[in-house]
């Protein structure tokens, strides 16, 4: 579940959900199974109580595939460079980070299918919940915060239950995920995000768009905050600069470093963008004015954010458009 954590503050960067996830975070189809033609609780420990009793499977699939976009990390690419549908959520996509001592650490996204023993079949609902929102796996080992559990701690109980219910239905796949290299240990997970410090919309409660913006705040907190917020120290977001970009990360050994952009309505961010401009960018993955595609770590486009409910996309855009402006940058994804 997720990827193991070396130590508090050990990385120069980590991924969000957003890119998220983006942490189960972050593909509507069910994978073809190497063990069984059907999904469900294949091989699950029937003696473990089911505590994920609120929400729905359908809501869970929607969150996994199009809000948290878990497949970005947990579904590996095929030879054509595109996600391999036969290994949907079966893990093995790997990422490289540089430890504070200069060691390059390779971590691997885990198998989230219902396979026993490679996936989540023997995990209890509470073990999945704890990993998703608290960063501790079934072996009591902390997860690397590339899995954005600090932000996923903000998910409602019903949404977490929905995700757990959906993952139980994902067909088992026996894909074996390599161990993280060169090490992991059992240091504590990083702190969860303090939701009270995430800015609210600047709209007045009497404004017709206030409710939409506040709904967008919830979604943006779990889908956008991790990548688009600088860090006070490794793995600790600076919520005074929430959504103001500047976070640096590298996921492929030798690749150039990426920097997230400021998405607040400041002149160093999206001051000239309308709500419709933001909606269009999320759906198309194309930058306003230039026609350039966003960096490949951004989960926009027709298969990811593009299949988010139109109302949710607009709620997020309304919130981003009415955030308190924060001067930071401007930044480019790539130098």
Protein backbone atom coordinates (compact mmCIF):
# COMPACT_ATOMS: atom_id res chain seq x y z
CA UNK A 1 0.00 0.00 0.00
CA UNK A 2 1.70 3.18 -1.12
CA UNK A 3 5.45 3.36 -0.82
CA UNK A 4 7.65 3.06 2.27
CA UNK A 5 9.03 6.08 4.11
CA UNK A 6 12.72 6.47 4.84
CA UNK A 7 12.58 9.20 7.48
CA UNK A 8 10.96 12.48 8.37
CA UNK A 9 12.35 15.16 6.10
CA UNK A 10 14.49 12.74 4.15
CA UNK A 11 13.51 13.91 0.69
CA UNK A 12 14.07 17.05 -1.24
CA UNK A 13 10.62 16.52 -2.75
CA UNK A 14 7.59 14.26 -2.94
CA UNK A 15 4.63 13.83 -5.24
CA UNK A 16 1.05 14.96 -4.72
CA UNK A 17 -2.30 13.57 -5.82
CA UNK A 18 -3.16 15.22 -6.99
CA UNK A 19 -0.42 14.14 -9.17
CA UNK A 20 -1.22 12.76 -6.89
CA UNK A 21 -1.74 10.53 -6.04
CA UNK A 22 -1.60 11.33 -5.10
CA UNK A 23 -0.65 8.93 -2.50
CA UNK A 24 -4.30 5.02 -3.88
CA UNK A 25 -4.50 8.04 -4.17
CA UNK A 26 -4.18 8.45 -7.86
CA UNK A 27 -8.86 4.67 -14.69
CA UNK A 28 -12.38 3.52 -14.64
CA UNK A 29 -11.91 0.12 -16.23
CA UNK A 30 -11.23 -3.00 -14.20
CA UNK A 31 -7.92 -4.65 -14.94
CA UNK A 32 -7.67 -8.04 -16.55
CA UNK A 33 -6.59 -10.50 -13.91
CA UNK A 34 -3.84 -13.03 -14.02
CA UNK A 35 -5.60 -15.02 -11.29
CA UNK A 36 -9.32 -14.69 -11.77
CA UNK A 37 -11.73 -13.26 -14.33
CA UNK A 38 -13.68 -11.46 -11.63
CA UNK A 39 -12.92 -8.85 -9.01
CA UNK A 40 -14.25 -8.69 -5.49
CA UNK A 41 -12.71 -9.95 -2.26
CA UNK A 42 -10.75 -12.77 -3.84
CA UNK A 43 -8.57 -14.31 -1.16
CA UNK A 44 -9.59 -11.74 1.44
CA UNK A 45 -9.44 -12.61 5.12
CA UNK A 46 -13.12 -13.20 5.84
CA UNK A 47 -12.49 -12.88 9.57
CA UNK A 48 -11.64 -9.18 9.35
CA UNK A 49 -14.59 -6.86 10.01
CA UNK A 50 -15.77 -4.60 7.24
CA UNK A 51 -15.93 -1.08 8.67
CA UNK A 52 -16.20 0.86 5.40
CA UNK A 53 -19.97 1.00 5.51
CA UNK A 54 -20.77 4.50 4.27
CA UNK A 55 -20.38 5.89 0.76
CA UNK A 56 -20.64 3.86 -2.44
CA UNK A 57 -18.46 1.81 -4.77
CA UNK A 58 -19.36 4.18 -7.61
CA UNK A 59 -18.15 7.20 -5.63
CA UNK A 60 -14.96 5.32 -4.79
CA UNK A 61 -14.24 4.56 -8.44
CA UNK A 62 -14.81 8.19 -9.35
CA UNK A 63 -12.42 9.42 -6.65
CA UNK A 64 -9.73 6.83 -7.46
CA UNK A 65 -9.84 7.38 -11.20
CA UNK A 66 -10.60 11.07 -11.71
CA UNK A 67 -10.03 13.11 -8.53
CA UNK A 68 -7.13 11.43 -6.74
CA UNK A 69 -6.01 9.85 -10.04
CA UNK A 70 -4.37 6.91 -8.27
CA UNK A 71 -3.53 5.17 -11.53
CA UNK A 72 -0.97 7.86 -12.37
CA UNK A 73 1.31 6.17 -9.85
CA UNK A 74 -0.19 2.74 -9.29
CA UNK A 75 -0.77 1.67 -12.93
CA UNK A 76 2.51 1.06 -14.80
CA UNK A 77 3.04 2.06 -18.41
CA UNK A 78 3.27 -0.46 -21.20
CA UNK A 79 5.85 -0.55 -23.98
CA UNK A 80 3.96 2.22 -25.78
CA UNK A 81 4.43 4.59 -22.84
CA UNK A 82 0.73 4.57 -22.01
CA UNK A 83 -0.89 3.08 -18.88
CA UNK A 84 -1.15 -0.70 -19.21
CA UNK A 85 -4.84 -1.60 -18.68
CA UNK A 86 -3.90 -5.21 -17.92
CA UNK A 87 -2.09 -3.93 -14.81
CA UNK A 88 -4.66 -1.43 -13.60
CA UNK A 89 -3.64 -0.37 -10.05
CA UNK A 90 -1.22 -3.34 -9.92
CA UNK A 91 1.74 -1.17 -9.01
CA UNK A 92 5.45 -1.19 -9.93
CA UNK A 93 5.78 2.31 -11.32
CA UNK A 94 8.95 3.60 -9.66
CA UNK A 95 10.22 7.04 -8.66
CA UNK A 96 13.66 8.30 -7.67
CA UNK A 97 14.38 10.78 -4.90
CA UNK A 98 17.56 12.19 -3.46
CA UNK A 99 17.99 11.68 0.28
CA UNK A 100 19.53 14.43 2.41
CA UNK A 101 22.86 12.57 2.33
CA UNK A 102 22.82 12.46 -1.48
CA UNK A 103 21.69 8.84 -1.77
CA UNK A 104 19.30 8.22 -4.67
CA UNK A 105 16.34 6.27 -3.27
CA UNK A 106 14.02 4.35 -5.59
CA UNK A 107 10.47 3.77 -4.36
CA UNK A 108 7.78 1.69 -6.04
CA UNK A 109 4.02 2.22 -6.09
CA UNK A 110 2.30 -0.76 -4.49
CA UNK A 111 -0.25 -3.24 -5.86
CA UNK A 112 -3.74 -2.02 -4.89
CA UNK A 113 -5.70 -4.85 -6.47
CA UNK A 114 -7.56 -7.53 -4.50
CA UNK A 115 -4.81 -10.08 -5.06
CA UNK A 116 -3.61 -12.33 -2.23
CA UNK A 117 -0.79 -11.88 -1.31
CA UNK A 118 0.47 -9.17 -3.69
CA UNK A 119 -2.41 -6.74 -3.23
CA UNK A 120 -4.85 -5.68 -0.52
CA UNK A 121 -6.82 -8.92 -0.13
CA UNK A 122 -5.67 -9.60 3.42
CA UNK A 123 -5.79 -5.98 4.57
CA UNK A 124 -8.63 -4.96 6.85
CA UNK A 125 -10.71 -1.90 6.03
CA UNK A 126 -9.05 -0.09 8.92
CA UNK A 127 -5.58 -0.93 7.65
CA UNK A 128 -6.42 0.56 4.27
CA UNK A 129 -7.96 3.59 5.99
CA UNK A 130 -4.85 4.08 8.15
CA UNK A 131 -2.54 3.87 5.15
CA UNK A 132 -4.65 6.23 3.07
CA UNK A 133 -5.12 8.90 5.73
CA UNK A 134 -2.31 8.30 8.22
CA UNK A 135 0.62 6.89 6.28
CA UNK A 136 1.10 3.57 8.11
CA UNK A 137 0.82 0.27 6.23
CA UNK A 138 -0.31 -3.18 7.36
CA UNK A 139 3.20 -3.96 8.64
CA UNK A 140 3.30 -0.74 10.71
CA UNK A 141 5.83 0.84 8.36
CA UNK A 142 5.49 4.50 7.41
CA UNK A 143 4.81 5.30 3.76
CA UNK A 144 6.89 7.66 1.68
CA UNK A 145 4.92 10.93 1.40
CA UNK A 146 5.02 10.66 -2.38
CA UNK A 147 1.77 8.96 -1.37
CA UNK A 148 -0.08 12.14 -0.37
CA UNK A 149 -1.66 10.78 2.79
CA UNK A 150 -1.09 14.09 4.64
CA UNK A 151 -3.65 15.64 2.26
CA UNK A 152 -5.83 12.52 2.06
CA UNK A 153 -6.36 12.84 5.81
CA UNK A 154 -8.79 15.61 4.82
CA UNK A 155 -11.11 13.19 3.00
CA UNK A 156 -14.51 12.67 4.59
CA UNK A 157 -15.32 9.35 6.24
CA UNK A 158 -17.81 8.57 3.47
CA UNK A 159 -15.26 9.23 0.74
CA UNK A 160 -12.61 7.07 2.42
CA UNK A 161 -15.18 4.30 2.84
CA UNK A 162 -16.10 4.65 -0.83
CA UNK A 163 -12.45 4.26 -1.88
CA UNK A 164 -12.03 1.18 0.31
CA UNK A 165 -15.21 -0.38 -1.08
CA UNK A 166 -14.08 0.26 -4.65
CA UNK A 167 -10.60 -1.17 -4.15
CA UNK A 168 -12.22 -4.38 -2.89
CA UNK A 169 -13.79 -4.76 -6.35
CA UNK A 170 -10.60 -4.30 -8.39
CA UNK A 171 -9.76 -7.63 -10.01
CA UNK A 172 -6.74 -9.40 -8.50
CA UNK A 173 -3.47 -9.10 -10.38
CA UNK A 174 -0.35 -11.02 -9.32
CA UNK A 175 2.06 -8.27 -10.35
CA UNK A 176 4.99 -8.35 -7.92
CA UNK A 177 6.23 -4.92 -6.87
CA UNK A 178 9.99 -4.67 -6.25
CA UNK A 179 11.22 -3.61 -2.84
CA UNK A 180 12.21 0.01 -2.39
CA UNK A 181 15.95 0.52 -2.78
CA UNK A 182 18.38 0.84 -1.09
CA UNK A 183 16.52 0.98 2.23
CA UNK A 184 13.44 1.73 4.26
CA UNK A 185 12.83 1.79 7.97
CA UNK A 186 10.07 2.34 10.52
CA UNK A 187 10.44 6.02 11.29
CA UNK A 188 7.15 7.88 11.99
CA UNK A 189 5.07 9.18 9.08
CA UNK A 190 5.04 12.88 8.31
CA UNK A 191 2.30 14.96 9.98
CA UNK A 192 -1.11 15.20 8.35
CA UNK A 193 -2.26 18.53 6.95
CA UNK A 194 -4.09 20.90 9.28
CA UNK A 195 -7.24 21.57 7.29
CA UNK A 196 -8.05 24.70 9.31
CA UNK A 197 -5.02 26.41 7.75
CA UNK A 198 -6.10 25.85 4.15
CA UNK A 199 -7.49 29.16 2.86
CA UNK A 200 -11.18 29.62 2.24
CA UNK A 201 -12.62 31.44 -0.73
CA UNK A 202 -12.53 35.23 -0.56
CA UNK A 203 -16.18 35.32 -1.60
CA UNK A 204 -18.72 36.50 0.94
CA UNK A 205 -21.09 33.82 2.27
CA UNK A 206 -23.91 35.74 0.60
CA UNK A 207 -22.30 35.40 -2.82
CA UNK A 208 -24.11 33.04 -5.21
CA UNK A 209 -20.83 31.19 -5.89
CA UNK A 210 -19.75 30.83 -2.25
CA UNK A 211 -21.04 27.27 -1.79
CA UNK A 212 -19.48 26.14 -5.07
CA UNK A 213 -16.11 27.62 -4.08
CA UNK A 214 -16.19 25.90 -0.69
CA UNK A 215 -17.01 22.58 -2.36
CA UNK A 216 -14.04 23.27 -4.62
CA UNK A 217 -11.87 23.90 -1.56
CA UNK A 218 -12.47 20.34 -0.38
CA UNK A 219 -11.64 18.83 -3.77
CA UNK A 220 -8.61 21.06 -4.39
CA UNK A 221 -7.24 20.24 -0.93
CA UNK A 222 -6.99 16.55 -1.82
CA UNK A 223 -6.26 16.90 -5.54
CA UNK A 224 -4.10 20.04 -5.97
CA UNK A 225 -2.57 21.16 -2.66
CA UNK A 226 0.27 18.64 -2.47
CA UNK A 227 1.92 19.56 -5.76
CA UNK A 228 1.13 23.27 -5.82
CA UNK A 229 2.43 24.19 -2.35
CA UNK A 230 6.03 24.87 -1.35
CA UNK A 231 7.48 23.12 1.67
CA UNK A 232 8.62 24.61 4.96
CA UNK A 233 10.95 21.63 5.22
CA UNK A 234 11.04 18.29 3.46
CA UNK A 235 7.50 16.88 3.33
CA UNK A 236 5.97 19.73 5.42
CA UNK A 237 3.84 22.11 3.28
CA UNK A 238 3.93 25.85 3.89
CA UNK A 239 0.20 26.52 4.12
CA UNK A 240 0.84 30.27 4.21
CA UNK A 241 1.67 29.71 0.53
CA UNK A 242 -1.06 27.16 -0.17
CA UNK A 243 -1.54 26.67 -3.93
CA UNK A 244 1.16 29.28 -4.70
CA UNK A 245 3.49 26.82 -6.44
CA UNK A 246 7.25 26.56 -6.15
CA UNK A 247 7.48 22.93 -5.09
CA UNK A 248 10.38 21.16 -6.83
CA UNK A 249 10.45 17.49 -7.68
CA UNK A 250 12.21 14.95 -9.87
CA UNK A 251 10.83 11.47 -10.47
CA UNK A 252 13.06 9.92 -13.08
CA UNK A 253 16.78 9.54 -12.49
CA UNK A 254 18.67 12.08 -14.60
CA UNK A 255 15.54 13.95 -15.70
CA UNK A 256 15.30 17.72 -15.24
CA UNK A 257 13.70 19.02 -12.07
CA UNK A 258 10.06 20.15 -12.27
CA UNK A 259 8.61 23.13 -10.40
CA UNK A 260 4.89 23.55 -9.74
CA UNK A 261 3.28 26.82 -10.80
CA UNK A 262 1.37 29.35 -8.72
CA UNK A 263 -2.37 28.79 -9.21
CA UNK A 264 -3.59 31.60 -6.93
CA UNK A 265 -5.06 34.71 -8.61
CA UNK A 266 -1.87 36.74 -8.11
CA UNK A 267 0.05 38.39 -10.96
CA UNK A 268 2.70 35.68 -10.41
CA UNK A 269 -0.04 33.09 -10.85
CA UNK A 270 -3.43 33.04 -12.59
CA UNK A 271 -4.52 36.66 -12.14
CA UNK A 272 -5.51 36.98 -15.79
CA UNK A 273 -7.34 33.64 -15.91
CA UNK A 274 -11.13 33.38 -15.68
CA UNK A 275 -13.05 30.49 -14.16
CA UNK A 276 -13.73 29.26 -17.69
CA UNK A 277 -9.99 29.43 -18.48
CA UNK A 278 -9.21 27.23 -15.47
CA UNK A 279 -11.94 24.76 -16.40
CA UNK A 280 -10.61 24.54 -19.95
CA UNK A 281 -7.05 23.96 -18.75
CA UNK A 282 -8.10 21.15 -16.40
CA UNK A 283 -10.07 19.42 -19.12
CA UNK A 284 -7.57 19.88 -21.95
CA UNK A 285 -4.24 19.92 -20.07
CA UNK A 286 -3.26 22.89 -22.24
CA UNK A 287 -2.05 26.27 -21.00
CA UNK A 288 -4.10 29.37 -21.71
CA UNK A 289 -2.65 31.61 -24.39
CA UNK A 290 0.37 29.50 -25.35
CA UNK A 291 -1.26 26.24 -26.41
CA UNK A 292 1.49 24.37 -24.59
CA UNK A 293 0.67 21.11 -22.85
CA UNK A 294 1.32 21.08 -19.13
CA UNK A 295 4.17 18.98 -17.79
CA UNK A 296 3.41 15.26 -17.80
CA UNK A 297 3.08 15.23 -14.01
CA UNK A 298 -0.14 17.28 -14.29
CA UNK A 299 -3.19 14.97 -14.34
CA UNK A 300 -5.31 17.07 -16.68
CA UNK A 301 -6.65 15.97 -20.03
CA UNK A 302 -9.47 13.79 -21.27
CA UNK A 303 -8.69 10.57 -19.38
CA UNK A 304 -8.08 12.00 -15.89
CA UNK A 305 -9.48 15.37 -14.76
CA UNK A 306 -11.27 15.42 -18.10
CA UNK A 307 -13.66 12.75 -16.81
CA UNK A 308 -14.33 14.56 -13.56
CA UNK A 309 -17.93 15.68 -13.13
CA UNK A 310 -18.46 19.04 -14.81
CA UNK A 311 -19.82 20.47 -11.57
CA UNK A 312 -16.71 19.38 -9.64
CA UNK A 313 -14.35 20.87 -12.22
CA UNK A 314 -16.21 24.16 -12.06
CA UNK A 315 -16.26 24.11 -8.24
CA UNK A 316 -12.48 23.67 -8.18
CA UNK A 317 -12.03 26.43 -10.74
CA UNK A 318 -14.31 28.75 -8.77
CA UNK A 319 -12.30 28.13 -5.61
CA UNK A 320 -8.92 28.64 -7.33
CA UNK A 321 -10.18 31.82 -8.98
CA UNK A 322 -11.31 33.23 -5.61
CA UNK A 323 -8.34 32.18 -3.46
CA UNK A 324 -6.45 34.88 -1.59
CA UNK A 325 -3.69 35.91 -4.05
CA UNK A 326 -0.18 34.92 -2.96
CA UNK A 327 2.89 36.49 -4.59
CA UNK A 328 5.28 33.64 -5.35
CA UNK A 329 7.18 33.13 -8.57
CA UNK A 330 6.36 33.13 -11.38
CA UNK A 331 7.49 29.57 -11.95
CA UNK A 332 7.83 27.35 -14.99
CA UNK A 333 7.33 23.61 -14.82
CA UNK A 334 10.64 23.09 -16.56
CA UNK A 335 13.57 25.55 -16.73
